[in-house]
Structure formats: structure tokens, C-alpha cells
Amino acid sequence: MKGHRSITGLLIKQRRLAQLLSGITVFISISYLGIRLWWVLAAGTVTGIIFGKVFCRWLCPIGFLMELVTGLGGSDSKFQQLYQYHKLGCPIAWISGILNKVSIFKVRLDKESCNNCGLCDKACYISTLDAEKFSLFKKDLHQPDKAFTCSKCLAFVEACPSGSLHYSTR
């Protein structure tokens, strides 16, 4: 599992680069190669079935621009509250958000190695918005990765010091 954790950590650290490159690819495909938006919607739906709502944080060119804007002023900035607004009119965000509950890849918690430090919840933007409803490690609360608004940034996986959280099929 150590190798899996290091690969996931590397991907998370390079997420913005992956988002930029895939966003440019989507933009060029639509603008210059004439790929229809229906194909992008279909690709977003397929990724939603497999991974959940990853399109917004990993592939979307508009998501990349919004992350740049919302990153202005730091993590406590009022710009952070704008992050969800650009998704209101996006059909891929709607479809993949619904698919978060049934996607093949899910966040898994190894309860035996979890030390209940709470660093995962502090790193998760869903848990920080509604700590009374969502938690990655508390038993009676909902898992934030299954929430409609979760875009699978996986910052909580990277924040877990014990390696108890995994994004996988098993």
C-alpha cells in the first residue's frame, strides 16, 4: 500500500499541472479540432461513473481558471466562496456530482491505522463547510466524498499522516 500512497501523493501534488494540461487539451479539442461538446459531456459522464466528480478539479479548463481566481487572497479569502458558483450551469458538474455516490472509485478509511487526529477533515473543503454533517473519520457523519459538491481534490488523502485514507476501488 506504500507504493499506492506515494503515487497518489504525487498525483495530488501535480493536480493543478494535470488540470492545466487536460484543460488545454479540452479547449484545443473543442476550438480547433471541432470536437462537439456532446463528446466532452460523454467523457465527463464516463469519468463520473468511474471516479466520481473528478472532471471539475482535474480536467476542466474553467475549473482551472476558477481555482486561480479563488486562490487569490489565500485560503481564508472571500474568493474561496466563489468556487461552487461556476458549476451551476455545467451539465458535467451536475451529472458527475450525482455519480459521486455510485462511482467505482471511493475514499476508503483503514480504521485500524486511523488515529482520529482530524487533519483529513481540516483539509477537506466539504467537511470544513459543514462539520456537523460531514467527516471522513467520525462514525455517525456522512462521508464528504459522496456529497454532490465534492470534486475529489483528494487533499484529505495527502493530509492524513497515518496513511489511513485511500482513493481506490477496494
C-alpha atoms as a PDB file:
ATOM      1  CA  MET A   1       0.000   0.000   0.000  1.00  0.00           C
ATOM      2  CA  LYS A   2       3.003   2.293   0.490  1.00  0.00           C
ATOM      3  CA  GLY A   3       3.642   2.437  -3.275  1.00  0.00           C
ATOM      4  CA  HIS A   4      -0.024   3.253  -3.890  1.00  0.00           C
ATOM      5  CA  ARG A   5       0.156   6.086  -1.363  1.00  0.00           C
ATOM      6  CA  SER A   6       3.259   7.618  -2.951  1.00  0.00           C
ATOM      7  CA  ILE A   7       1.711   7.529  -6.451  1.00  0.00           C
ATOM      8  CA  THR A   8      -1.498   9.103  -5.152  1.00  0.00           C
ATOM      9  CA  GLY A   9       0.512  11.738  -3.277  1.00  0.00           C
ATOM     10  CA  LEU A  10       2.477  12.572  -6.407  1.00  0.00           C
ATOM     11  CA  LEU A  11      -0.726  12.908  -8.438  1.00  0.00           C
ATOM     12  CA  ILE A  12      -2.283  15.166  -5.809  1.00  0.00           C
ATOM     13  CA  LYS A  13       0.808  17.389  -5.731  1.00  0.00           C
ATOM     14  CA  GLN A  14       0.706  17.653  -9.539  1.00  0.00           C
ATOM     15  CA  ARG A  15      -3.090  18.074  -9.768  1.00  0.00           C
ATOM     16  CA  ARG A  16      -3.015  21.670 -10.969  1.00  0.00           C
ATOM     17  CA  LEU A  17      -0.498  20.826 -13.679  1.00  0.00           C
ATOM     18  CA  ALA A  18      -2.669  17.886 -14.760  1.00  0.00           C
ATOM     19  CA  GLN A  19      -5.706  20.165 -14.716  1.00  0.00           C
ATOM     20  CA  LEU A  20      -3.919  22.792 -16.815  1.00  0.00           C
ATOM     21  CA  LEU A  21      -2.718  20.284 -19.398  1.00  0.00           C
ATOM     22  CA  SER A  22      -6.043  18.480 -19.673  1.00  0.00           C
ATOM     23  CA  GLY A  23      -7.908  21.802 -19.730  1.00  0.00           C
ATOM     24  CA  ILE A  24      -5.764  22.990 -22.642  1.00  0.00           C
ATOM     25  CA  THR A  25      -6.411  19.670 -24.389  1.00  0.00           C
ATOM     26  CA  VAL A  26     -10.190  20.041 -23.936  1.00  0.00           C
ATOM     27  CA  PHE A  27     -10.057  23.665 -25.132  1.00  0.00           C
ATOM     28  CA  ILE A  28      -7.995  22.803 -28.233  1.00  0.00           C
ATOM     29  CA  SER A  29     -10.189  19.777 -28.976  1.00  0.00           C
ATOM     30  CA  ILE A  30     -13.315  21.919 -28.993  1.00  0.00           C
ATOM     31  CA  SER A  31     -11.936  25.119 -30.500  1.00  0.00           C
ATOM     32  CA  TYR A  32      -9.545  23.873 -33.146  1.00  0.00           C
ATOM     33  CA  LEU A  33     -10.284  20.221 -33.780  1.00  0.00           C
ATOM     34  CA  GLY A  34     -14.054  20.654 -33.835  1.00  0.00           C
ATOM     35  CA  ILE A  35     -14.892  18.068 -31.161  1.00  0.00           C
ATOM     36  CA  ARG A  36     -18.513  18.574 -30.192  1.00  0.00           C
ATOM     37  CA  LEU A  37     -19.475  19.384 -26.628  1.00  0.00           C
ATOM     38  CA  TRP A  38     -21.554  16.182 -26.557  1.00  0.00           C
ATOM     39  CA  TRP A  39     -18.312  14.177 -26.630  1.00  0.00           C
ATOM     40  CA  VAL A  40     -16.933  16.190 -23.721  1.00  0.00           C
ATOM     41  CA  LEU A  41     -20.189  15.606 -21.835  1.00  0.00           C
ATOM     42  CA  ALA A  42     -19.964  11.876 -22.577  1.00  0.00           C
ATOM     43  CA  ALA A  43     -16.327  11.787 -21.402  1.00  0.00           C
ATOM     44  CA  GLY A  44     -17.310  13.672 -18.238  1.00  0.00           C
ATOM     45  CA  THR A  45     -20.098  11.167 -17.596  1.00  0.00           C
ATOM     46  CA  VAL A  46     -17.797   8.181 -18.060  1.00  0.00           C
ATOM     47  CA  THR A  47     -15.196   9.675 -15.710  1.00  0.00           C
ATOM     48  CA  GLY A  48     -18.042  10.353 -13.265  1.00  0.00           C
ATOM     49  CA  ILE A  49     -19.105   6.707 -13.302  1.00  0.00           C
ATOM     50  CA  ILE A  50     -15.558   5.549 -12.689  1.00  0.00           C
ATOM     51  CA  PHE A  51     -14.074   8.253 -10.450  1.00  0.00           C
ATOM     52  CA  GLY A  52     -16.952  10.474  -9.308  1.00  0.00           C
ATOM     53  CA  LYS A  53     -16.850  14.225  -9.788  1.00  0.00           C
ATOM     54  CA  VAL A  54     -13.205  14.493 -10.851  1.00  0.00           C
ATOM     55  CA  PHE A  55     -13.791  16.490 -14.034  1.00  0.00           C
ATOM     56  CA  CYS A  56     -14.063  19.864 -12.244  1.00  0.00           C
ATOM     57  CA  ARG A  57     -10.819  19.576 -10.265  1.00  0.00           C
ATOM     58  CA  TRP A  58      -8.727  17.511 -12.654  1.00  0.00           C
ATOM     59  CA  LEU A  59      -9.834  18.162 -16.253  1.00  0.00           C
ATOM     60  CA  CYS A  60     -11.954  21.295 -16.663  1.00  0.00           C
ATOM     61  CA  PRO A  61     -10.371  24.426 -18.196  1.00  0.00           C
ATOM     62  CA  ILE A  62     -12.949  26.661 -16.485  1.00  0.00           C
ATOM     63  CA  GLY A  63     -12.252  24.859 -13.193  1.00  0.00           C
ATOM     64  CA  PHE A  64      -8.561  25.667 -13.600  1.00  0.00           C
ATOM     65  CA  LEU A  65      -9.319  29.372 -14.112  1.00  0.00           C
ATOM     66  CA  MET A  66     -11.713  29.385 -11.143  1.00  0.00           C
ATOM     67  CA  GLU A  67      -9.085  27.801  -8.921  1.00  0.00           C
ATOM     68  CA  LEU A  68      -6.682  30.567  -9.892  1.00  0.00           C
ATOM     69  CA  VAL A  69      -9.284  33.206  -9.007  1.00  0.00           C
ATOM     70  CA  THR A  70     -10.399  31.540  -5.775  1.00  0.00           C
ATOM     71  CA  GLY A  71      -6.766  31.092  -4.739  1.00  0.00           C
ATOM     72  CA  LEU A  72      -6.256  34.848  -4.690  1.00  0.00           C
ATOM     73  CA  GLY A  73      -6.004  36.114  -1.138  1.00  0.00           C
ATOM     74  CA  GLY A  74      -5.213  32.767   0.473  1.00  0.00           C
ATOM     75  CA  SER A  75      -7.354  30.028   1.955  1.00  0.00           C
ATOM     76  CA  ASP A  76      -9.447  32.373   4.135  1.00  0.00           C
ATOM     77  CA  SER A  77     -10.291  34.713   1.268  1.00  0.00           C
ATOM     78  CA  LYS A  78     -13.820  35.580   0.194  1.00  0.00           C
ATOM     79  CA  PHE A  79     -12.792  34.339  -3.255  1.00  0.00           C
ATOM     80  CA  GLN A  80     -12.881  30.782  -1.865  1.00  0.00           C
ATOM     81  CA  GLN A  81     -16.648  31.044  -1.554  1.00  0.00           C
ATOM     82  CA  LEU A  82     -16.925  31.579  -5.318  1.00  0.00           C
ATOM     83  CA  TYR A  83     -15.617  28.132  -6.210  1.00  0.00           C
ATOM     84  CA  GLN A  84     -19.001  26.401  -6.482  1.00  0.00           C
ATOM     85  CA  TYR A  85     -20.749  29.141  -8.479  1.00  0.00           C
ATOM     86  CA  HIS A  86     -19.201  28.415 -11.870  1.00  0.00           C
ATOM     87  CA  LYS A  87     -20.526  24.858 -11.668  1.00  0.00           C
ATOM     88  CA  LEU A  88     -24.183  25.901 -11.530  1.00  0.00           C
ATOM     89  CA  GLY A  89     -24.609  25.882 -15.300  1.00  0.00           C
ATOM     90  CA  CYS A  90     -22.295  22.988 -16.087  1.00  0.00           C
ATOM     91  CA  PRO A  91     -24.014  19.729 -17.077  1.00  0.00           C
ATOM     92  CA  ILE A  92     -20.844  17.720 -16.408  1.00  0.00           C
ATOM     93  CA  ALA A  93     -20.705  19.046 -12.824  1.00  0.00           C
ATOM     94  CA  TRP A  94     -24.358  18.091 -12.315  1.00  0.00           C
ATOM     95  CA  ILE A  95     -24.056  14.590 -13.763  1.00  0.00           C
ATOM     96  CA  SER A  96     -20.774  13.707 -12.098  1.00  0.00           C
ATOM     97  CA  GLY A  97     -21.933  15.201  -8.785  1.00  0.00           C
ATOM     98  CA  ILE A  98     -24.873  12.807  -8.798  1.00  0.00           C
ATOM     99  CA  LEU A  99     -22.499   9.953  -9.682  1.00  0.00           C
ATOM    100  CA  ASN A 100     -20.318  10.609  -6.592  1.00  0.00           C
ATOM    101  CA  LYS A 101     -22.466   8.178  -4.603  1.00  0.00           C
ATOM    102  CA  VAL A 102     -22.177   5.317  -7.078  1.00  0.00           C
ATOM    103  CA  SER A 103     -18.727   5.782  -8.631  1.00  0.00           C
ATOM    104  CA  ILE A 104     -16.373   2.820  -8.767  1.00  0.00           C
ATOM    105  CA  PHE A 105     -13.512   4.663  -7.021  1.00  0.00           C
ATOM    106  CA  LYS A 106     -14.293   5.737  -3.466  1.00  0.00           C
ATOM    107  CA  VAL A 107     -12.445   7.039  -0.448  1.00  0.00           C
ATOM    108  CA  ARG A 108     -11.620   4.185   1.891  1.00  0.00           C
ATOM    109  CA  LEU A 109     -10.683   4.548   5.555  1.00  0.00           C
ATOM    110  CA  ASP A 110      -8.487   1.996   7.290  1.00  0.00           C
ATOM    111  CA  LYS A 111      -9.993   2.320  10.774  1.00  0.00           C
ATOM    112  CA  GLU A 112      -7.205   0.326  12.407  1.00  0.00           C
ATOM    113  CA  SER A 113      -4.465   2.738  11.347  1.00  0.00           C
ATOM    114  CA  CYS A 114      -6.553   5.925  11.818  1.00  0.00           C
ATOM    115  CA  ASN A 115      -5.516   7.881  14.895  1.00  0.00           C
ATOM    116  CA  ASN A 116      -8.570  10.236  14.789  1.00  0.00           C
ATOM    117  CA  CYS A 117      -6.352  13.330  14.513  1.00  0.00           C
ATOM    118  CA  GLY A 118      -8.905  15.158  12.325  1.00  0.00           C
ATOM    119  CA  LEU A 119      -6.346  16.547   9.873  1.00  0.00           C
ATOM    120  CA  CYS A 120      -8.291  14.985   6.996  1.00  0.00           C
ATOM    121  CA  ASP A 121     -11.428  16.936   7.907  1.00  0.00           C
ATOM    122  CA  LYS A 122      -9.420  20.167   8.151  1.00  0.00           C
ATOM    123  CA  ALA A 123      -8.023  19.572   4.644  1.00  0.00           C
ATOM    124  CA  CYS A 124     -11.426  18.695   3.122  1.00  0.00           C
ATOM    125  CA  TYR A 125     -13.376  21.728   1.906  1.00  0.00           C
ATOM    126  CA  ILE A 126     -16.697  19.868   2.280  1.00  0.00           C
ATOM    127  CA  SER A 127     -16.022  18.965   5.925  1.00  0.00           C
ATOM    128  CA  THR A 128     -14.889  22.496   6.746  1.00  0.00           C
ATOM    129  CA  LEU A 129     -18.067  23.971   5.268  1.00  0.00           C
ATOM    130  CA  ASP A 130     -20.386  21.706   7.264  1.00  0.00           C
ATOM    131  CA  ALA A 131     -18.518  19.984  10.108  1.00  0.00           C
ATOM    132  CA  GLU A 132     -21.802  18.965  11.776  1.00  0.00           C
ATOM    133  CA  LYS A 133     -22.802  16.853   8.778  1.00  0.00           C
ATOM    134  CA  PHE A 134     -19.577  15.587   7.134  1.00  0.00           C
ATOM    135  CA  SER A 135     -16.465  13.802   8.352  1.00  0.00           C
ATOM    136  CA  LEU A 136     -14.019  11.364   6.873  1.00  0.00           C
ATOM    137  CA  PHE A 137     -13.408   9.517  10.141  1.00  0.00           C
ATOM    138  CA  LYS A 138     -16.316  10.174  12.537  1.00  0.00           C
ATOM    139  CA  LYS A 139     -18.783   7.276  12.541  1.00  0.00           C
ATOM    140  CA  ASP A 140     -22.190   8.969  12.594  1.00  0.00           C
ATOM    141  CA  LEU A 141     -21.489  11.614   9.941  1.00  0.00           C
ATOM    142  CA  HIS A 142     -21.694  11.448   6.132  1.00  0.00           C
ATOM    143  CA  GLN A 143     -18.567  10.919   4.062  1.00  0.00           C
ATOM    144  CA  PRO A 144     -17.825  14.166   2.193  1.00  0.00           C
ATOM    145  CA  ASP A 145     -16.543  12.396  -0.938  1.00  0.00           C
ATOM    146  CA  LYS A 146     -20.087  11.165  -1.609  1.00  0.00           C
ATOM    147  CA  ALA A 147     -21.547  14.674  -1.408  1.00  0.00           C
ATOM    148  CA  PHE A 148     -22.809  16.247  -4.618  1.00  0.00           C
ATOM    149  CA  THR A 149     -20.372  19.168  -4.291  1.00  0.00           C
ATOM    150  CA  CYS A 150     -17.207  17.104  -3.709  1.00  0.00           C
ATOM    151  CA  SER A 151     -14.831  17.448  -6.665  1.00  0.00           C
ATOM    152  CA  LYS A 152     -12.297  14.848  -5.492  1.00  0.00           C
ATOM    153  CA  CYS A 153      -9.343  17.186  -4.941  1.00  0.00           C
ATOM    154  CA  LEU A 154      -8.066  14.460  -2.567  1.00  0.00           C
ATOM    155  CA  ALA A 155      -6.328  16.989  -0.307  1.00  0.00           C
ATOM    156  CA  PHE A 156      -7.522  14.938   2.681  1.00  0.00           C
ATOM    157  CA  VAL A 157      -5.654  11.845   1.448  1.00  0.00           C
ATOM    158  CA  GLU A 158      -2.438  13.844   1.337  1.00  0.00           C
ATOM    159  CA  ALA A 159      -3.142  15.386   4.762  1.00  0.00           C
ATOM    160  CA  CYS A 160      -3.546  12.026   6.542  1.00  0.00           C
ATOM    161  CA  PRO A 161      -0.300  11.422   8.487  1.00  0.00           C
ATOM    162  CA  SER A 162      -1.038   7.745   9.132  1.00  0.00           C
ATOM    163  CA  GLY A 163      -1.944   6.886   5.521  1.00  0.00           C
ATOM    164  CA  SER A 164      -5.368   5.659   6.602  1.00  0.00           C
ATOM    165  CA  LEU A 165      -7.261   7.209   3.689  1.00  0.00           C
ATOM    166  CA  HIS A 166      -7.111   5.746   0.205  1.00  0.00           C
ATOM    167  CA  TYR A 167      -8.900   6.582  -3.044  1.00  0.00           C
ATOM    168  CA  SER A 168      -9.384   3.204  -4.666  1.00  0.00           C
ATOM    169  CA  THR A 169     -11.779   0.534  -5.869  1.00  0.00           C
ATOM    170  CA  ARG A 170     -11.212  -1.669  -2.840  1.00  0.00           C
END
